Amino acid sequence: MQTMKPQLTAGDSSGNGNLEKVRDILFGNQIREFDKKFNRLEERFLKECTNLRNDTKKRLDSLEAYIKQEIESLTIEIKTQQTASEEALKELNQSTKDITKSLETETKKRLESLDS
């Protein structure tokens, strides 16, 4: 039995090489075809990922530009409305002062006319 073990071990190493040759003969074409298909799929997948990444970046850049433009437009509109409100308030204050002055003058005149 001991003599068989070394023979099996030696046979196993040369058998492995033979087994690989047999596998290559039987399945070599199929494995190469699967490798080609897998490589094509991998290339297509990477290309699609790159396209998706680029498309997403373009859309996000476009969205960012649109949002910035809208914010800028709203800021300008708010400043315009604020300026208009401040001017209207000044006019209202001046009008109130003018009316108050006019009423004071009219009141004085009537009081003087009543006194005389």
N, C-alpha and C. Protein backbone atom coordinates (compact mmCIF):
# COMPACT_ATOMS: atom_id res chain seq x y z
N MET A 1 0.80 -1.18 0.00
CA MET A 1 0.00 0.00 0.00
C MET A 1 0.85 1.26 0.00
N GLN A 2 1.95 1.17 0.70
CA GLN A 2 2.82 2.34 0.75
C GLN A 2 3.38 2.65 -0.63
N THR A 3 3.63 1.66 -1.41
CA THR A 3 4.15 1.90 -2.75
C THR A 3 3.09 2.53 -3.64
N MET A 4 1.84 2.32 -3.36
CA MET A 4 0.77 2.89 -4.18
C MET A 4 0.58 4.39 -3.89
N LYS A 5 0.78 4.77 -2.66
CA LYS A 5 0.57 6.18 -2.32
C LYS A 5 1.50 7.09 -3.12
N PRO A 6 2.82 6.77 -3.17
CA PRO A 6 3.66 7.64 -3.98
C PRO A 6 3.25 7.60 -5.44
N GLN A 7 2.80 6.48 -5.93
CA GLN A 7 2.40 6.41 -7.33
C GLN A 7 1.16 7.27 -7.57
N LEU A 8 0.22 7.25 -6.61
CA LEU A 8 -0.99 8.06 -6.77
C LEU A 8 -0.65 9.55 -6.70
N THR A 9 0.27 9.89 -5.83
CA THR A 9 0.66 11.28 -5.71
C THR A 9 1.33 11.75 -6.99
N ALA A 10 2.23 10.96 -7.50
CA ALA A 10 2.89 11.31 -8.75
C ALA A 10 1.88 11.32 -9.88
N GLY A 11 0.98 10.36 -9.87
CA GLY A 11 -0.06 10.30 -10.90
C GLY A 11 -1.01 11.47 -10.79
N ASP A 12 -1.27 11.91 -9.55
CA ASP A 12 -2.18 13.03 -9.35
C ASP A 12 -1.62 14.30 -9.98
N SER A 13 -0.31 14.56 -9.80
CA SER A 13 0.23 15.79 -10.36
C SER A 13 0.21 15.74 -11.87
N SER A 14 0.56 14.64 -12.45
CA SER A 14 0.50 14.57 -13.91
C SER A 14 -0.95 14.45 -14.35
N GLY A 15 -1.78 13.86 -13.49
CA GLY A 15 -3.21 13.73 -13.78
C GLY A 15 -3.89 15.09 -13.79
N ASN A 16 -3.43 15.99 -12.89
CA ASN A 16 -4.00 17.34 -12.87
C ASN A 16 -3.75 18.05 -14.18
N GLY A 17 -2.54 17.91 -14.69
CA GLY A 17 -2.21 18.53 -15.97
C GLY A 17 -3.04 17.92 -17.08
N ASN A 18 -3.20 16.59 -17.02
CA ASN A 18 -4.02 15.91 -18.02
C ASN A 18 -5.48 16.33 -17.89
N LEU A 19 -5.93 16.44 -16.65
CA LEU A 19 -7.31 16.84 -16.40
C LEU A 19 -7.57 18.24 -16.95
N GLU A 20 -6.61 19.13 -16.78
CA GLU A 20 -6.74 20.49 -17.30
C GLU A 20 -6.82 20.47 -18.83
N LYS A 21 -6.02 19.61 -19.45
CA LYS A 21 -6.04 19.50 -20.91
C LYS A 21 -7.39 18.99 -21.38
N VAL A 22 -7.90 18.00 -20.66
CA VAL A 22 -9.21 17.43 -21.03
C VAL A 22 -10.30 18.49 -20.87
N ARG A 23 -10.24 19.24 -19.77
CA ARG A 23 -11.22 20.32 -19.55
C ARG A 23 -11.13 21.36 -20.66
N ASP A 24 -9.90 21.69 -21.03
CA ASP A 24 -9.73 22.68 -22.09
C ASP A 24 -10.27 22.17 -23.41
N ILE A 25 -10.05 20.91 -23.69
CA ILE A 25 -10.56 20.33 -24.93
C ILE A 25 -12.09 20.31 -24.92
N LEU A 26 -12.67 19.88 -23.78
CA LEU A 26 -14.13 19.75 -23.70
C LEU A 26 -14.84 21.09 -23.57
N PHE A 27 -14.34 21.95 -22.72
CA PHE A 27 -15.07 23.17 -22.38
C PHE A 27 -14.36 24.46 -22.77
N GLY A 28 -13.21 24.36 -23.39
CA GLY A 28 -12.39 25.54 -23.70
C GLY A 28 -13.12 26.58 -24.52
N ASN A 29 -13.79 26.16 -25.60
CA ASN A 29 -14.50 27.10 -26.46
C ASN A 29 -15.63 27.79 -25.70
N GLN A 30 -16.36 27.03 -24.92
CA GLN A 30 -17.47 27.61 -24.16
C GLN A 30 -16.96 28.62 -23.13
N ILE A 31 -15.88 28.28 -22.46
CA ILE A 31 -15.32 29.19 -21.46
C ILE A 31 -14.83 30.46 -22.13
N ARG A 32 -14.16 30.32 -23.28
CA ARG A 32 -13.68 31.51 -23.99
C ARG A 32 -14.86 32.37 -24.46
N GLU A 33 -15.92 31.74 -24.93
CA GLU A 33 -17.11 32.48 -25.35
C GLU A 33 -17.75 33.20 -24.17
N PHE A 34 -17.84 32.51 -23.04
CA PHE A 34 -18.38 33.15 -21.84
C PHE A 34 -17.51 34.32 -21.40
N ASP A 35 -16.20 34.14 -21.49
CA ASP A 35 -15.29 35.23 -21.15
C ASP A 35 -15.50 36.44 -22.07
N LYS A 36 -15.64 36.19 -23.37
CA LYS A 36 -15.87 37.28 -24.32
C LYS A 36 -17.19 37.99 -24.00
N LYS A 37 -18.24 37.20 -23.77
CA LYS A 37 -19.54 37.79 -23.46
C LYS A 37 -19.48 38.59 -22.16
N PHE A 38 -18.82 38.02 -21.18
CA PHE A 38 -18.70 38.70 -19.89
C PHE A 38 -17.93 40.01 -20.05
N ASN A 39 -16.84 39.97 -20.82
CA ASN A 39 -16.04 41.18 -21.04
C ASN A 39 -16.86 42.25 -21.78
N ARG A 40 -17.65 41.82 -22.79
CA ARG A 40 -18.50 42.77 -23.50
C ARG A 40 -19.55 43.37 -22.57
N LEU A 41 -20.15 42.52 -21.74
CA LEU A 41 -21.14 43.02 -20.78
C LEU A 41 -20.51 44.00 -19.78
N GLU A 42 -19.32 43.66 -19.34
CA GLU A 42 -18.63 44.53 -18.39
C GLU A 42 -18.31 45.88 -19.04
N GLU A 43 -17.83 45.86 -20.29
CA GLU A 43 -17.54 47.10 -21.00
C GLU A 43 -18.82 47.93 -21.20
N ARG A 44 -19.89 47.25 -21.58
CA ARG A 44 -21.17 47.94 -21.77
C ARG A 44 -21.67 48.54 -20.46
N PHE A 45 -21.54 47.77 -19.40
CA PHE A 45 -21.95 48.25 -18.08
C PHE A 45 -21.16 49.48 -17.67
N LEU A 46 -19.84 49.44 -17.86
CA LEU A 46 -18.99 50.59 -17.50
C LEU A 46 -19.33 51.81 -18.36
N LYS A 47 -19.61 51.57 -19.65
CA LYS A 47 -19.98 52.67 -20.54
C LYS A 47 -21.31 53.28 -20.09
N GLU A 48 -22.28 52.45 -19.77
CA GLU A 48 -23.59 52.94 -19.32
C GLU A 48 -23.45 53.69 -18.00
N CYS A 49 -22.61 53.20 -17.11
CA CYS A 49 -22.38 53.90 -15.84
C CYS A 49 -21.77 55.27 -16.08
N THR A 50 -20.82 55.33 -16.99
CA THR A 50 -20.18 56.60 -17.32
C THR A 50 -21.20 57.56 -17.94
N ASN A 51 -22.01 57.05 -18.86
CA ASN A 51 -23.03 57.88 -19.48
C ASN A 51 -24.04 58.38 -18.45
N LEU A 52 -24.44 57.51 -17.56
CA LEU A 52 -25.39 57.88 -16.51
C LEU A 52 -24.79 58.94 -15.59
N ARG A 53 -23.54 58.75 -15.22
CA ARG A 53 -22.84 59.72 -14.36
C ARG A 53 -22.78 61.08 -15.04
N ASN A 54 -22.41 61.10 -16.34
CA ASN A 54 -22.30 62.35 -17.08
C ASN A 54 -23.66 63.03 -17.22
N ASP A 55 -24.68 62.23 -17.53
CA ASP A 55 -26.03 62.77 -17.69
C ASP A 55 -26.53 63.35 -16.37
N THR A 56 -26.29 62.64 -15.29
CA THR A 56 -26.71 63.12 -13.97
C THR A 56 -25.99 64.42 -13.61
N LYS A 57 -24.71 64.49 -13.91
CA LYS A 57 -23.94 65.70 -13.63
C LYS A 57 -24.49 66.88 -14.43
N LYS A 58 -24.79 66.66 -15.72
CA LYS A 58 -25.34 67.73 -16.55
C LYS A 58 -26.67 68.22 -15.99
N ARG A 59 -27.51 67.27 -15.61
CA ARG A 59 -28.83 67.65 -15.07
C ARG A 59 -28.71 68.40 -13.75
N LEU A 60 -27.81 67.95 -12.90
CA LEU A 60 -27.62 68.64 -11.62
C LEU A 60 -27.04 70.04 -11.83
N ASP A 61 -26.10 70.16 -12.76
CA ASP A 61 -25.55 71.48 -13.08
C ASP A 61 -26.63 72.41 -13.61
N SER A 62 -27.48 71.87 -14.48
CA SER A 62 -28.57 72.65 -15.04
C SER A 62 -29.56 73.08 -13.94
N LEU A 63 -29.88 72.15 -13.06
CA LEU A 63 -30.78 72.45 -11.95
C LEU A 63 -30.17 73.50 -11.02
N GLU A 64 -28.89 73.37 -10.74
CA GLU A 64 -28.21 74.34 -9.89
C GLU A 64 -28.23 75.74 -10.52
N ALA A 65 -27.97 75.81 -11.82
CA ALA A 65 -27.98 77.10 -12.52
C ALA A 65 -29.39 77.70 -12.48
N TYR A 66 -30.41 76.88 -12.69
CA TYR A 66 -31.79 77.35 -12.66
C TYR A 66 -32.15 77.88 -11.27
N ILE A 67 -31.78 77.14 -10.23
CA ILE A 67 -32.10 77.56 -8.86
C ILE A 67 -31.38 78.87 -8.53
N LYS A 68 -30.12 78.98 -8.92
CA LYS A 68 -29.38 80.23 -8.68
C LYS A 68 -30.05 81.40 -9.39
N GLN A 69 -30.47 81.18 -10.62
CA GLN A 69 -31.13 82.23 -11.39
C GLN A 69 -32.45 82.64 -10.73
N GLU A 70 -33.21 81.67 -10.27
CA GLU A 70 -34.48 81.97 -9.60
C GLU A 70 -34.25 82.72 -8.29
N ILE A 71 -33.26 82.30 -7.53
CA ILE A 71 -32.95 82.98 -6.27
C ILE A 71 -32.53 84.42 -6.55
N GLU A 72 -31.70 84.61 -7.55
CA GLU A 72 -31.26 85.95 -7.92
C GLU A 72 -32.44 86.81 -8.34
N SER A 73 -33.33 86.24 -9.14
CA SER A 73 -34.52 86.96 -9.59
C SER A 73 -35.41 87.33 -8.41
N LEU A 74 -35.62 86.40 -7.50
CA LEU A 74 -36.44 86.67 -6.32
C LEU A 74 -35.79 87.72 -5.42
N THR A 75 -34.49 87.67 -5.29
CA THR A 75 -33.76 88.65 -4.47
C THR A 75 -33.96 90.05 -5.06
N ILE A 76 -33.83 90.18 -6.36
CA ILE A 76 -34.02 91.47 -7.02
C ILE A 76 -35.46 91.96 -6.81
N GLU A 77 -36.42 91.05 -6.98
CA GLU A 77 -37.82 91.42 -6.80
C GLU A 77 -38.10 91.87 -5.36
N ILE A 78 -37.54 91.17 -4.40
CA ILE A 78 -37.73 91.54 -2.99
C ILE A 78 -37.11 92.91 -2.72
N LYS A 79 -35.91 93.16 -3.24
CA LYS A 79 -35.26 94.46 -3.05
C LYS A 79 -36.09 95.57 -3.69
N THR A 80 -36.64 95.31 -4.86
CA THR A 80 -37.47 96.30 -5.54
C THR A 80 -38.72 96.60 -4.71
N GLN A 81 -39.36 95.56 -4.21
CA GLN A 81 -40.55 95.74 -3.39
C GLN A 81 -40.21 96.46 -2.09
N GLN A 82 -39.08 96.14 -1.51
CA GLN A 82 -38.66 96.80 -0.27
C GLN A 82 -38.42 98.29 -0.51
N THR A 83 -37.76 98.61 -1.61
CA THR A 83 -37.52 100.02 -1.95
C THR A 83 -38.83 100.75 -2.18
N ALA A 84 -39.75 100.11 -2.91
CA ALA A 84 -41.06 100.72 -3.16
C ALA A 84 -41.83 100.92 -1.86
N SER A 85 -41.75 99.96 -0.96
CA SER A 85 -42.43 100.08 0.34
C SER A 85 -41.82 101.21 1.17
N GLU A 86 -40.51 101.32 1.16
CA GLU A 86 -39.85 102.40 1.91
C GLU A 86 -40.25 103.76 1.35
N GLU A 87 -40.31 103.88 0.02
CA GLU A 87 -40.71 105.15 -0.59
C GLU A 87 -42.16 105.47 -0.26
N ALA A 88 -43.04 104.47 -0.30
CA ALA A 88 -44.45 104.68 0.03
C ALA A 88 -44.59 105.10 1.49
N LEU A 89 -43.81 104.51 2.36
CA LEU A 89 -43.84 104.86 3.78
C LEU A 89 -43.37 106.30 4.00
N LYS A 90 -42.32 106.70 3.29
CA LYS A 90 -41.84 108.08 3.39
C LYS A 90 -42.92 109.06 2.93
N GLU A 91 -43.56 108.72 1.79
CA GLU A 91 -44.63 109.58 1.27
C GLU A 91 -45.79 109.66 2.25
N LEU A 92 -46.12 108.53 2.87
CA LEU A 92 -47.20 108.50 3.85
C LEU A 92 -46.85 109.35 5.07
N ASN A 93 -45.62 109.24 5.54
CA ASN A 93 -45.16 110.06 6.67
C ASN A 93 -45.23 111.55 6.32
N GLN A 94 -44.76 111.89 5.13
CA GLN A 94 -44.78 113.29 4.71
C GLN A 94 -46.22 113.78 4.57
N SER A 95 -47.07 112.95 4.01
CA SER A 95 -48.48 113.32 3.86
C SER A 95 -49.12 113.52 5.23
N THR A 96 -48.82 112.64 6.17
CA THR A 96 -49.36 112.75 7.53
C THR A 96 -48.87 114.05 8.19
N LYS A 97 -47.60 114.38 8.00
CA LYS A 97 -47.06 115.63 8.56
C LYS A 97 -47.75 116.84 7.94
N ASP A 98 -47.94 116.78 6.60
CA ASP A 98 -48.60 117.90 5.91
C ASP A 98 -50.04 118.07 6.40
N ILE A 99 -50.75 116.97 6.53
CA ILE A 99 -52.14 117.03 7.00
C ILE A 99 -52.19 117.54 8.44
N THR A 100 -51.28 117.06 9.27
CA THR A 100 -51.24 117.50 10.67
C THR A 100 -50.97 119.01 10.73
N LYS A 101 -50.02 119.46 9.95
CA LYS A 101 -49.68 120.89 9.92
C LYS A 101 -50.87 121.71 9.43
N SER A 102 -51.52 121.21 8.40
CA SER A 102 -52.68 121.89 7.85
C SER A 102 -53.81 121.96 8.88
N LEU A 103 -54.03 120.88 9.58
CA LEU A 103 -55.07 120.86 10.62
C LEU A 103 -54.72 121.81 11.77
N GLU A 104 -53.47 121.86 12.15
CA GLU A 104 -53.04 122.77 13.21
C GLU A 104 -53.30 124.23 12.79
N THR A 105 -52.92 124.52 11.55
CA THR A 105 -53.11 125.88 11.04
C THR A 105 -54.60 126.23 11.00
N GLU A 106 -55.39 125.31 10.48
CA GLU A 106 -56.84 125.53 10.39
C GLU A 106 -57.45 125.69 11.77
N THR A 107 -56.99 124.87 12.72
CA THR A 107 -57.50 124.94 14.08
C THR A 107 -57.16 126.29 14.71
N LYS A 108 -55.94 126.78 14.50
CA LYS A 108 -55.51 128.08 15.03
C LYS A 108 -56.37 129.20 14.45
N LYS A 109 -56.61 129.15 13.15
CA LYS A 109 -57.41 130.16 12.48
C LYS A 109 -58.82 130.21 13.06
N ARG A 110 -59.40 129.05 13.28
CA ARG A 110 -60.77 128.98 13.80
C ARG A 110 -60.81 129.47 15.25
N LEU A 111 -59.78 129.13 16.00
CA LEU A 111 -59.73 129.59 17.38
C LEU A 111 -59.58 131.12 17.44
N GLU A 112 -58.77 131.65 16.56
CA GLU A 112 -58.59 133.10 16.51
C GLU A 112 -59.88 133.79 16.07
N SER A 113 -60.57 133.18 15.14
CA SER A 113 -61.82 133.76 14.68
C SER A 113 -62.88 133.69 15.76
N LEU A 114 -62.85 132.66 16.58
CA LEU A 114 -63.78 132.53 17.69
C LEU A 114 -63.44 133.56 18.78
N ASP A 115 -62.19 133.82 18.99
CA ASP A 115 -61.75 134.78 20.00
C ASP A 115 -62.14 136.20 19.61
N SER A 116 -62.13 136.48 18.35
CA SER A 116 -62.42 137.83 17.95
C SER A 116 -63.88 137.99 17.72
